[in-house]
Amino acid sequence: MADSSGKQRKPSLSKSQYMLGRQCTLALWNARHRTAFNDNAAGGRMAALRDFGHDVGELAKLLYPQGVEVKAPHRWTNVGAKQTQDFAAAGEEVIFEAVAVNRKDGTHAAIDILRRVPGTDQWDMIEVKSAGSVKSTHIEDLAFQHSVFAGAGYAIRNCLLMHVNMKYVRHGDIDPGKFFALSDVTAKVKGEESAIARHAEKLGKVIMLQQAPQEDIGSHCDTPYSCRYKAECWKGVPLYSIFNLASGAAADRLVRQVGSYDIDDLPDHLITQAEKKIELEAYRSGKPHAAAAELAAFAAQAAYPLYFLDYEGMMPGVPLYDGTHPFQSIPFQFSLHVQDRPGAPLVHHSFLHKKKSDPRESFADALVRLCGSKGSVVVYNRTYEETRNKELARAFPRHAAALDGINARMLDIYVPFRNRWLYHPDQRGSASLKNVLPAFTPLSYKGLAIGKGEDAAQYYLAFAQGRMPAREAKKLWPALEAYCGLDTLAMVELLEVVRRYAAPASGPAAPCPA
């Protein structure tokens, strides 16, 4: 669209830049002025989300076979806007990736689907989201798009969000009509009009600044997304800071009260939660905290034979297998270390599904066969394994009794660390296995090809979807085995740690291994 002089308005602020600026003005300024530094800290997770978003977008297009698509390169905004205008003038009913530029301020955006109201010059805007519900960020996102398209001269009737229907269950080929749910959010979008205009004006000024704006760090650095510039902005924050002792808005309040990120500047009276007081005491003393009685009571629950168990799973947004729903966690691997009696050697078993078929039944078969019928099943944070077992029991009733039995035998070694019955200052406020293990033992996840559960899930999902070359899959299997195997070996070691600290007279080694 042209301005009053007949000239095409120069694009200014895009939708993605607007949303980035709403999270942090400094991040927006960096994105516009320091592109060479534009390092995406979220890495593989964001790449996986983009892949899934693309898949969902392509699936949505199947609902409108008559649609035409704007093909302009991403940064050629005016070209895309002109193609959209030409399609609209030609009477097209549905335009994918439609682009517009606001005549007044140059803000610009694309909409996934621009659908003509039959027999009129009005349009419905449909934004496709790879989420299972409508979120507040989606409303603001679509409100910005509405502001742009209305400002470009399009008569917008309704604003709709097309998102994943979490009640959908796959049977045969994916049915796009059932996979998606359509939510009319027109009233909410229009209720944001004045706020959008106000924020867009402010952010338009930010991108014109010659010097970077001042912005405090805090919980917004990870909300709603982890900022790509966080490492740069947080480089002056101590390795253990107030952000480790508290989180979210609580951490922000403490930082404002103290005027510092440093734990050493924090008055004791500001910490009231018992677990946090333990963390602070351990930090200041440099020594572990151990509640011997609680640890002894926990350790006494361990009944031989011991089965140390850990699962890995993936969560396909678009279900891969019949009988599954969007984002259902599908277990594809487990590691199992077994010790028959005190002092007996460990025996290791593993299961890893190396086919592109549904892994669940083979997983359940192997699990039930290897876990026996008596003895403690030791896990770390039982919720995941317990929930998967319940789902497997429903899917494969012949194993229901055995799976229920495994759940009943679970001993969660996460509990002593979560409750701070045992805490080492090197945990830095976290009871994650990745932090606890190196704090108390010489073992760690450093140097592994796969060192995080989310990476294991993403790599396996790529394999299951047929996106991984065979030569890469051959490298994947030993990496997955090493990662999951270390999880269960970690539990073996940590149970021994709990036992040592439960008997302080025997003199547990207090220092953390180097």
Protein backbone atom coordinates (compact mmCIF):
# COMPACT_ATOMS: atom_id res chain seq x y z
CA MET A 1 0.00 0.00 0.00
CA ALA A 2 1.19 3.53 -0.70
CA ASP A 3 1.15 6.56 1.62
CA SER A 4 -0.66 9.82 0.84
CA SER A 5 2.13 10.92 -1.50
CA GLY A 6 1.73 7.79 -3.59
CA LYS A 7 5.09 6.34 -2.49
CA GLN A 8 5.41 2.91 -0.95
CA ARG A 9 5.94 3.24 2.80
CA LYS A 10 9.35 1.99 3.92
CA PRO A 11 8.89 -1.03 6.22
CA SER A 12 9.94 -0.40 9.83
CA LEU A 13 9.01 -2.82 12.59
CA SER A 14 8.14 -6.44 11.83
CA LYS A 15 5.89 -8.65 13.95
CA SER A 16 8.79 -10.76 15.24
CA GLN A 17 10.72 -7.60 16.14
CA TYR A 18 7.68 -6.16 17.89
CA MET A 19 7.26 -9.31 20.00
CA LEU A 20 10.99 -9.35 20.76
CA GLY A 21 10.84 -5.70 21.83
CA ARG A 22 7.86 -6.38 24.07
CA GLN A 23 10.02 -8.90 25.91
CA CYS A 24 13.09 -6.64 26.01
CA THR A 25 13.89 -3.36 24.27
CA LEU A 26 17.62 -4.09 24.44
CA ALA A 27 17.10 -7.41 22.64
CA LEU A 28 15.22 -5.57 19.88
CA TRP A 29 17.96 -2.96 19.58
CA ASN A 30 20.61 -5.68 19.42
CA ALA A 31 18.68 -7.52 16.70
CA ARG A 32 18.54 -4.37 14.58
CA HIS A 33 22.03 -3.01 15.26
CA ARG A 34 24.21 -6.00 16.13
CA THR A 35 23.19 -8.67 13.64
CA ALA A 36 26.69 -10.18 13.59
CA PHE A 37 26.27 -10.90 17.30
CA ASN A 38 22.83 -12.44 16.76
CA ASP A 39 23.64 -15.82 18.31
CA ASN A 40 20.60 -17.94 19.13
CA ALA A 41 21.25 -19.28 22.62
CA ALA A 42 18.25 -21.60 22.46
CA GLY A 43 19.90 -23.55 19.65
CA GLY A 44 18.45 -26.96 18.83
CA ARG A 45 15.22 -26.44 20.75
CA MET A 46 14.28 -23.41 18.66
CA ALA A 47 15.27 -25.23 15.46
CA ALA A 48 12.99 -28.10 16.44
CA LEU A 49 10.15 -25.67 17.14
CA ARG A 50 10.63 -24.05 13.74
CA ASP A 51 10.53 -27.46 12.04
CA PHE A 52 7.32 -28.37 13.87
CA GLY A 53 5.81 -24.96 13.12
CA HIS A 54 6.53 -25.48 9.44
CA ASP A 55 4.94 -28.95 9.51
CA VAL A 56 1.81 -27.59 11.17
CA GLY A 57 1.63 -24.71 8.71
CA GLU A 58 1.80 -27.07 5.75
CA LEU A 59 -0.89 -29.26 7.30
CA ALA A 60 -3.17 -26.24 7.71
CA LYS A 61 -2.87 -25.40 4.03
CA LEU A 62 -4.52 -28.72 3.17
CA LEU A 63 -7.76 -27.29 4.56
CA TYR A 64 -7.82 -24.71 1.75
CA PRO A 65 -6.82 -26.46 -1.49
CA GLN A 66 -7.88 -23.39 -3.50
CA GLY A 67 -5.34 -21.17 -1.71
CA VAL A 68 -2.49 -19.31 -3.38
CA GLU A 69 0.79 -18.49 -1.66
CA VAL A 70 2.90 -15.34 -1.55
CA LYS A 71 6.39 -16.43 -2.56
CA ALA A 72 8.45 -13.27 -1.95
CA PRO A 73 11.76 -13.75 -0.09
CA HIS A 74 11.44 -13.14 3.64
CA ARG A 75 13.08 -9.71 3.73
CA TRP A 76 11.45 -8.43 0.54
CA THR A 77 8.50 -7.04 2.43
CA ASN A 78 7.22 -4.62 -0.19
CA VAL A 79 7.39 -7.33 -2.85
CA GLY A 80 5.33 -9.65 -0.66
CA ALA A 81 2.84 -6.88 0.07
CA LYS A 82 2.46 -6.19 -3.67
CA GLN A 83 1.90 -9.89 -4.45
CA THR A 84 -0.77 -10.00 -1.73
CA GLN A 85 -2.52 -6.95 -3.19
CA ASP A 86 -2.43 -8.48 -6.66
CA PHE A 87 -3.92 -11.75 -5.41
CA ALA A 88 -6.67 -9.86 -3.60
CA ALA A 89 -7.43 -7.73 -6.67
CA ALA A 90 -7.58 -10.89 -8.80
CA GLY A 91 -10.38 -12.25 -6.60
CA GLU A 92 -8.43 -15.01 -4.85
CA GLU A 93 -10.36 -16.48 -1.95
CA VAL A 94 -7.49 -17.68 0.25
CA ILE A 95 -3.96 -16.27 0.40
CA PHE A 96 -1.21 -18.06 2.32
CA GLU A 97 1.64 -16.04 3.88
CA ALA A 98 -0.13 -12.78 3.00
CA VAL A 99 2.00 -9.69 3.67
CA ALA A 100 1.00 -6.10 4.46
CA VAL A 101 2.67 -2.82 5.38
CA ASN A 102 0.87 -0.27 7.56
CA ARG A 103 0.44 2.97 5.60
CA LYS A 104 0.89 5.12 8.69
CA ASP A 105 3.94 3.79 10.48
CA GLY A 106 5.52 1.17 8.20
CA THR A 107 4.98 -1.70 10.61
CA HIS A 108 4.69 -4.91 8.62
CA ALA A 109 3.58 -8.49 9.10
CA ALA A 110 2.59 -11.68 7.38
CA ILE A 111 -0.46 -13.76 8.26
CA ASP A 112 -0.56 -17.50 7.74
CA ILE A 113 -3.97 -17.47 6.08
CA LEU A 114 -5.96 -14.50 4.73
CA ARG A 115 -9.42 -15.80 3.88
CA ARG A 116 -11.95 -13.75 1.96
CA VAL A 117 -15.47 -13.53 3.35
CA PRO A 118 -17.49 -15.00 0.43
CA GLY A 119 -18.97 -12.42 -1.89
CA THR A 120 -17.36 -9.43 -0.14
CA ASP A 121 -14.16 -7.43 0.11
CA GLN A 122 -13.82 -8.36 3.76
CA TRP A 123 -11.26 -10.79 5.10
CA ASP A 124 -10.73 -13.15 8.00
CA MET A 125 -7.22 -13.44 9.39
CA ILE A 126 -6.17 -16.93 10.52
CA GLU A 127 -2.89 -17.40 12.36
CA VAL A 128 -1.71 -21.00 12.75
CA LYS A 129 -0.01 -21.89 16.02
CA SER A 130 1.78 -25.12 16.89
CA ALA A 131 0.40 -25.08 20.42
CA GLY A 132 -2.45 -26.89 22.10
CA SER A 133 -4.30 -23.82 23.36
CA VAL A 134 -4.63 -20.06 22.94
CA LYS A 135 -2.02 -18.13 24.91
CA SER A 136 -1.79 -14.44 25.78
CA THR A 137 1.25 -14.03 23.53
CA HIS A 138 -0.81 -15.38 20.61
CA ILE A 139 -3.41 -12.67 21.17
CA GLU A 140 -0.83 -9.89 21.16
CA ASP A 141 0.87 -11.46 18.16
CA LEU A 142 -2.39 -11.49 16.18
CA ALA A 143 -3.34 -8.03 17.43
CA PHE A 144 -0.16 -6.64 15.88
CA GLN A 145 -0.96 -8.40 12.61
CA HIS A 146 -4.50 -7.00 12.67
CA SER A 147 -3.13 -3.50 13.25
CA VAL A 148 -0.86 -3.85 10.22
CA PHE A 149 -3.44 -5.27 7.83
CA ALA A 150 -6.13 -2.81 8.89
CA GLY A 151 -3.60 0.00 8.54
CA ALA A 152 -2.76 -1.26 5.04
CA GLY A 153 -6.40 -0.87 3.96
CA TYR A 154 -7.74 -4.41 4.35
CA ALA A 155 -11.25 -4.70 5.79
CA ILE A 156 -10.83 -7.32 8.50
CA ARG A 157 -13.97 -9.04 9.78
CA ASN A 158 -12.69 -11.71 12.17
CA CYS A 159 -9.40 -12.77 13.73
CA LEU A 160 -8.97 -16.47 14.39
CA LEU A 161 -6.31 -18.69 15.89
CA MET A 162 -5.90 -22.17 14.46
CA HIS A 163 -4.18 -24.36 17.02
CA VAL A 164 -3.66 -28.03 17.73
CA ASN A 165 -6.69 -29.95 19.00
CA MET A 166 -5.30 -31.81 22.00
CA LYS A 167 -8.25 -34.25 21.97
CA TYR A 168 -7.39 -35.49 18.49
CA VAL A 169 -6.33 -39.13 18.29
CA ARG A 170 -4.69 -40.45 15.17
CA HIS A 171 -6.30 -43.31 13.27
CA GLY A 172 -4.80 -43.75 9.81
CA ASP A 173 -3.67 -40.65 7.92
CA ILE A 174 -3.72 -37.31 9.73
CA ASP A 175 -7.08 -35.56 9.27
CA PRO A 176 -6.34 -31.79 9.22
CA GLY A 177 -9.98 -30.96 9.86
CA LYS A 178 -9.88 -32.83 13.16
CA PHE A 179 -6.26 -32.13 14.03
CA PHE A 180 -6.89 -28.39 14.30
CA ALA A 181 -9.22 -26.34 16.48
CA LEU A 182 -10.29 -22.84 15.42
CA SER A 183 -10.78 -20.16 18.10
CA ASP A 184 -12.39 -16.80 17.33
CA VAL A 185 -10.39 -14.19 19.25
CA THR A 186 -11.68 -11.10 17.41
CA ALA A 187 -12.93 -9.33 20.53
CA LYS A 188 -9.69 -9.92 22.42
CA VAL A 189 -7.61 -8.75 19.45
CA LYS A 190 -9.61 -5.56 19.01
CA GLY A 191 -9.34 -4.92 22.73
CA GLU A 192 -5.57 -4.63 22.25
CA GLU A 193 -5.73 -1.95 19.52
CA SER A 194 -4.71 1.05 21.62
CA ALA A 195 -1.99 -0.88 23.45
CA ILE A 196 -0.54 -2.14 20.16
CA ALA A 197 -0.37 1.38 18.75
CA ARG A 198 1.29 2.68 21.90
CA HIS A 199 3.87 -0.11 22.09
CA ALA A 200 4.62 0.03 18.36
CA GLU A 201 5.31 3.76 18.60
CA LYS A 202 7.66 3.23 21.52
CA LEU A 203 9.51 0.35 19.85
CA GLY A 204 9.74 2.28 16.59
CA LYS A 205 11.73 4.89 18.49
CA VAL A 206 13.93 2.21 20.09
CA ILE A 207 15.16 0.90 16.75
CA MET A 208 16.14 4.44 15.73
CA LEU A 209 18.38 4.96 18.78
CA GLN A 210 22.09 5.34 18.12
CA GLN A 211 22.99 3.95 21.56
CA ALA A 212 21.64 0.79 23.16
CA PRO A 213 18.79 1.36 25.63
CA GLN A 214 19.23 0.51 29.31
CA GLU A 215 17.38 -2.64 30.37
CA ASP A 216 17.63 -4.58 33.62
CA ILE A 217 18.12 -8.31 33.50
CA GLY A 218 15.64 -10.60 35.21
CA SER A 219 13.02 -13.27 34.74
CA HIS A 220 11.85 -11.66 31.49
CA CYS A 221 15.11 -12.80 29.90
CA ASP A 222 13.55 -16.28 29.71
CA THR A 223 9.88 -15.34 29.33
CA PRO A 224 8.21 -16.16 27.05
CA TYR A 225 11.42 -17.25 25.27
CA SER A 226 15.05 -17.57 26.27
CA CYS A 227 16.78 -14.49 24.87
CA ARG A 228 19.56 -15.03 22.37
CA TYR A 229 21.57 -12.25 24.05
CA LYS A 230 21.27 -13.56 27.60
CA ALA A 231 24.88 -14.77 27.88
CA GLU A 232 26.11 -11.29 26.93
CA CYS A 233 23.81 -9.45 29.32
CA TRP A 234 24.39 -11.83 32.23
CA LYS A 235 28.17 -12.03 31.99
CA GLY A 236 28.60 -9.96 35.17
CA VAL A 237 26.25 -12.12 37.25
CA PRO A 238 28.05 -14.41 39.74
CA LEU A 239 27.97 -18.14 39.02
CA TYR A 240 25.79 -18.52 42.11
CA SER A 241 23.51 -15.53 42.49
CA ILE A 242 20.10 -14.45 43.78
CA PHE A 243 18.69 -15.88 40.54
CA ASN A 244 19.76 -19.34 41.76
CA LEU A 245 18.29 -18.89 45.21
CA ALA A 246 14.95 -17.66 43.85
CA SER A 247 13.23 -17.64 40.48
CA GLY A 248 10.77 -15.63 38.44
CA ALA A 249 9.14 -12.57 39.97
CA ALA A 250 10.43 -13.54 43.44
CA ALA A 251 14.03 -13.25 42.22
CA ASP A 252 13.27 -9.93 40.52
CA ARG A 253 11.84 -8.55 43.77
CA LEU A 254 14.88 -9.64 45.76
CA VAL A 255 17.26 -8.06 43.27
CA ARG A 256 15.35 -4.78 43.48
CA GLN A 257 15.32 -4.89 47.28
CA VAL A 258 19.01 -5.67 47.60
CA GLY A 259 20.18 -3.64 44.62
CA SER A 260 22.51 -6.45 43.63
CA TYR A 261 22.59 -9.95 42.11
CA ASP A 262 25.22 -11.13 44.60
CA ILE A 263 24.22 -13.62 47.30
CA ASP A 264 26.77 -12.01 49.62
CA ASP A 265 24.71 -8.82 49.63
CA LEU A 266 21.50 -10.62 50.63
CA PRO A 267 20.33 -10.11 54.25
CA ASP A 268 19.29 -13.34 55.98
CA HIS A 269 15.90 -12.00 57.01
CA LEU A 270 14.75 -11.79 53.38
CA ILE A 271 14.90 -15.59 53.04
CA THR A 272 12.03 -17.29 54.86
CA GLN A 273 11.61 -20.65 53.08
CA ALA A 274 13.31 -23.49 54.96
CA GLU A 275 14.85 -25.11 51.88
CA LYS A 276 16.28 -21.78 50.73
CA LYS A 277 17.79 -21.17 54.15
CA ILE A 278 19.59 -24.51 53.83
CA GLU A 279 20.97 -23.49 50.44
CA LEU A 280 22.17 -20.15 51.79
CA GLU A 281 23.80 -21.76 54.83
CA ALA A 282 25.59 -24.33 52.64
CA TYR A 283 26.81 -21.59 50.30
CA ARG A 284 28.22 -19.51 53.14
CA SER A 285 29.81 -22.44 54.98
CA GLY A 286 31.04 -24.19 51.84
CA LYS A 287 29.91 -27.50 53.35
CA PRO A 288 27.11 -29.92 52.49
CA HIS A 289 23.93 -30.05 54.54
CA ALA A 290 22.75 -33.49 55.60
CA ALA A 291 19.63 -34.40 57.59
CA ALA A 292 20.89 -37.81 58.74
CA ALA A 293 17.63 -39.08 60.22
CA GLU A 294 15.59 -38.31 57.12
CA LEU A 295 18.27 -39.81 54.88
CA ALA A 296 18.42 -42.98 56.97
CA ALA A 297 14.64 -43.38 56.82
CA PHE A 298 14.72 -42.95 53.07
CA ALA A 299 17.60 -45.40 52.53
CA ALA A 300 15.86 -48.00 54.66
CA GLN A 301 13.05 -48.19 52.08
CA ALA A 302 15.38 -49.70 49.46
CA ALA A 303 14.51 -53.38 49.06
CA TYR A 304 16.69 -55.79 47.08
CA PRO A 305 16.91 -56.63 44.28
CA LEU A 306 17.31 -53.00 43.23
CA TYR A 307 16.29 -51.89 39.74
CA PHE A 308 17.65 -48.47 38.74
CA LEU A 309 15.43 -47.30 35.89
CA ASP A 310 15.30 -44.33 33.51
CA TYR A 311 13.29 -43.60 30.33
CA GLU A 312 13.81 -41.36 27.33
CA GLY A 313 10.83 -40.20 25.30
CA MET A 314 9.83 -37.92 22.45
CA MET A 315 6.74 -35.71 22.06
CA PRO A 316 5.66 -35.48 18.41
CA GLY A 317 3.34 -32.53 17.89
CA VAL A 318 1.82 -34.30 14.92
CA PRO A 319 1.12 -37.86 16.13
CA LEU A 320 3.24 -40.48 14.37
CA TYR A 321 1.34 -43.59 15.48
CA ASP A 322 -2.26 -44.74 15.61
CA GLY A 323 -3.90 -44.35 19.00
CA THR A 324 -1.70 -41.41 20.05
CA HIS A 325 -2.54 -37.72 20.43
CA PRO A 326 -0.59 -34.51 19.78
CA PHE A 327 2.40 -33.96 22.08
CA GLN A 328 1.94 -37.37 23.73
CA SER A 329 5.22 -38.50 25.25
CA ILE A 330 6.30 -41.71 23.52
CA PRO A 331 8.98 -43.68 25.40
CA PHE A 332 11.55 -45.16 23.04
CA GLN A 333 14.44 -46.10 25.35
CA PHE A 334 15.19 -47.26 28.85
CA SER A 335 18.29 -48.07 30.85
CA LEU A 336 18.19 -50.52 33.74
CA HIS A 337 20.94 -51.29 36.23
CA VAL A 338 20.13 -54.24 38.50
CA GLN A 339 21.80 -55.18 41.79
CA ASP A 340 20.54 -58.44 43.31
CA ARG A 341 21.95 -57.95 46.82
CA PRO A 342 24.25 -55.60 48.74
CA GLY A 343 27.73 -55.66 47.28
CA ALA A 344 26.69 -57.72 44.25
CA PRO A 345 27.96 -56.58 40.84
CA LEU A 346 25.68 -54.41 38.73
CA VAL A 347 24.04 -55.93 35.67
CA HIS A 348 23.05 -53.49 32.95
CA HIS A 349 20.13 -53.93 30.55
CA SER A 350 18.96 -51.48 27.92
CA PHE A 351 16.20 -51.08 25.39
CA LEU A 352 16.40 -48.78 22.38
CA HIS A 353 13.89 -48.98 19.53
CA LYS A 354 15.88 -48.63 16.29
CA LYS A 355 12.95 -48.87 13.88
CA LYS A 356 10.59 -46.15 12.68
CA SER A 357 7.58 -48.10 13.95
CA ASP A 358 5.70 -47.42 17.19
CA PRO A 359 8.16 -48.33 19.99
CA ARG A 360 5.66 -48.60 22.84
CA GLU A 361 4.67 -52.27 22.76
CA SER A 362 8.25 -53.53 22.38
CA PHE A 363 9.27 -51.11 25.13
CA ALA A 364 6.59 -52.48 27.48
CA ASP A 365 7.45 -56.10 26.63
CA ALA A 366 11.12 -55.60 27.49
CA LEU A 367 10.40 -53.53 30.60
CA VAL A 368 8.06 -56.07 32.15
CA ARG A 369 10.41 -58.93 31.32
CA LEU A 370 13.44 -57.27 32.91
CA CYS A 371 11.97 -55.57 35.99
CA GLY A 372 10.87 -58.69 37.83
CA SER A 373 8.10 -58.67 40.41
CA LYS A 374 9.81 -57.68 43.66
CA GLY A 375 12.45 -55.24 44.85
CA SER A 376 12.62 -51.45 44.67
CA VAL A 377 12.52 -49.71 41.31
CA VAL A 378 14.74 -46.67 41.85
CA VAL A 379 13.96 -43.63 39.67
CA TYR A 380 14.85 -39.93 39.68
CA ASN A 381 11.68 -37.83 39.78
CA ARG A 382 9.12 -40.59 39.42
CA THR A 383 6.42 -38.54 37.67
CA TYR A 384 7.71 -39.18 34.16
CA GLU A 385 8.24 -42.95 34.41
CA GLU A 386 5.09 -43.44 36.47
CA THR A 387 2.91 -41.55 33.97
CA ARG A 388 4.36 -43.41 30.99
CA ASN A 389 3.67 -46.72 32.71
CA LYS A 390 0.03 -45.77 33.27
CA GLU A 391 -0.30 -44.84 29.59
CA LEU A 392 1.35 -48.09 28.51
CA ALA A 393 -0.99 -50.05 30.79
CA ARG A 394 -4.01 -48.48 29.06
CA ALA A 395 -2.58 -49.12 25.60
CA PHE A 396 -1.50 -52.72 26.33
CA PRO A 397 -3.83 -54.17 28.99
CA ARG A 398 -2.00 -57.51 29.07
CA HIS A 399 0.85 -55.69 30.81
CA ALA A 400 -1.33 -53.55 33.07
CA ALA A 401 -0.82 -55.55 36.28
CA ALA A 402 2.96 -55.72 35.84
CA LEU A 403 3.24 -52.01 35.00
CA ASP A 404 1.08 -51.05 37.96
CA GLY A 405 3.35 -53.24 40.09
CA ILE A 406 6.45 -51.42 38.84
CA ASN A 407 4.84 -48.10 39.80
CA ALA A 408 3.97 -49.41 43.27
CA ARG A 409 7.61 -50.45 43.83
CA MET A 410 9.13 -47.11 42.84
CA LEU A 411 11.59 -45.41 45.18
CA ASP A 412 12.26 -41.83 44.07
CA ILE A 413 15.85 -40.86 44.84
CA TYR A 414 15.02 -37.31 43.77
CA VAL A 415 13.15 -36.84 47.07
CA PRO A 416 16.17 -36.37 49.43
CA PHE A 417 17.66 -33.77 47.11
CA ARG A 418 14.38 -32.01 46.32
CA ASN A 419 13.58 -31.74 50.03
CA ARG A 420 17.13 -30.56 50.80
CA TRP A 421 17.74 -33.44 53.21
CA LEU A 422 21.02 -33.61 51.33
CA TYR A 423 22.39 -30.52 49.65
CA HIS A 424 25.81 -29.48 48.39
CA PRO A 425 26.65 -25.84 47.61
CA ASP A 426 27.90 -26.92 44.18
CA GLN A 427 24.30 -27.78 43.24
CA ARG A 428 23.73 -24.01 43.00
CA GLY A 429 20.10 -24.26 44.00
CA SER A 430 19.14 -27.08 41.64
CA ALA A 431 18.09 -30.66 42.39
CA SER A 432 18.47 -31.66 38.74
CA LEU A 433 20.41 -34.86 38.25
CA LYS A 434 22.82 -32.88 36.05
CA ASN A 435 23.70 -30.70 39.06
CA VAL A 436 23.48 -33.23 41.88
CA LEU A 437 25.66 -35.93 40.31
CA PRO A 438 28.89 -33.89 39.87
CA ALA A 439 28.36 -32.20 43.25
CA PHE A 440 28.66 -35.51 45.10
CA THR A 441 30.57 -37.83 42.74
CA PRO A 442 33.34 -37.65 40.12
CA LEU A 443 30.76 -38.39 37.41
CA SER A 444 29.23 -35.78 35.11
CA TYR A 445 27.53 -35.42 31.74
CA LYS A 446 30.32 -33.32 30.28
CA GLY A 447 31.85 -34.74 27.13
CA LEU A 448 28.84 -36.83 26.13
CA ALA A 449 27.63 -36.48 22.54
CA ILE A 450 24.13 -36.15 24.02
CA GLY A 451 24.02 -34.53 27.44
CA LYS A 452 20.38 -33.45 27.85
CA GLY A 453 17.06 -35.23 27.69
CA GLU A 454 15.58 -32.67 25.32
CA ASP A 455 18.43 -33.28 22.86
CA ALA A 456 17.86 -37.04 23.03
CA ALA A 457 14.17 -36.45 22.30
CA GLN A 458 14.80 -34.13 19.37
CA TYR A 459 17.38 -36.38 17.71
CA TYR A 460 15.20 -39.45 18.07
CA LEU A 461 12.17 -37.56 16.76
CA ALA A 462 14.15 -36.59 13.67
CA PHE A 463 14.93 -40.29 13.17
CA ALA A 464 11.32 -41.37 13.73
CA GLN A 465 10.09 -38.77 11.23
CA GLY A 466 12.53 -39.99 8.59
CA ARG A 467 14.57 -36.77 8.67
CA MET A 468 17.84 -38.36 9.77
CA PRO A 469 20.19 -40.02 7.26
CA ALA A 470 21.10 -43.63 8.04
CA ARG A 471 24.75 -42.75 8.68
CA GLU A 472 23.66 -40.23 11.33
CA ALA A 473 21.35 -42.78 12.95
CA LYS A 474 24.32 -45.14 13.39
CA LYS A 475 26.05 -42.42 15.39
CA LEU A 476 22.88 -41.70 17.34
CA TRP A 477 22.46 -45.13 18.92
CA PRO A 478 25.70 -45.23 20.98
CA ALA A 479 25.19 -41.59 22.01
CA LEU A 480 21.71 -42.37 23.33
CA GLU A 481 22.94 -45.53 25.08
CA ALA A 482 25.72 -43.59 26.82
CA TYR A 483 23.41 -40.81 27.96
CA CYS A 484 20.56 -42.95 29.31
CA GLY A 485 23.03 -45.42 30.83
CA LEU A 486 24.69 -42.64 32.80
CA ASP A 487 21.29 -41.63 34.20
CA THR A 488 20.80 -44.99 35.87
CA LEU A 489 24.44 -45.32 36.92
CA ALA A 490 24.02 -41.89 38.54
CA MET A 491 21.15 -43.26 40.64
CA VAL A 492 23.32 -46.16 41.79
CA GLU A 493 26.00 -43.72 42.93
CA LEU A 494 23.56 -41.32 44.57
CA LEU A 495 21.89 -44.04 46.63
CA GLU A 496 25.33 -44.84 48.04
CA VAL A 497 25.86 -41.14 48.71
CA VAL A 498 22.57 -40.97 50.61
CA ARG A 499 23.57 -44.01 52.68
CA ARG A 500 26.95 -42.50 53.58
CA TYR A 501 25.48 -39.19 54.69
CA ALA A 502 22.77 -41.03 56.63
CA ALA A 503 25.51 -42.37 58.91
CA PRO A 504 27.68 -39.34 59.76
CA ALA A 505 29.67 -41.26 62.34
CA SER A 506 31.22 -43.24 59.52
CA GLY A 507 32.63 -40.00 58.17
CA PRO A 508 31.27 -39.34 54.70
CA ALA A 509 33.61 -37.40 52.47
CA ALA A 510 32.20 -33.89 52.75
CA PRO A 511 34.20 -32.14 50.01
CA CYS A 512 32.82 -32.16 46.51
CA PRO A 513 35.03 -34.10 44.06
CA ALA A 514 37.04 -31.86 41.78
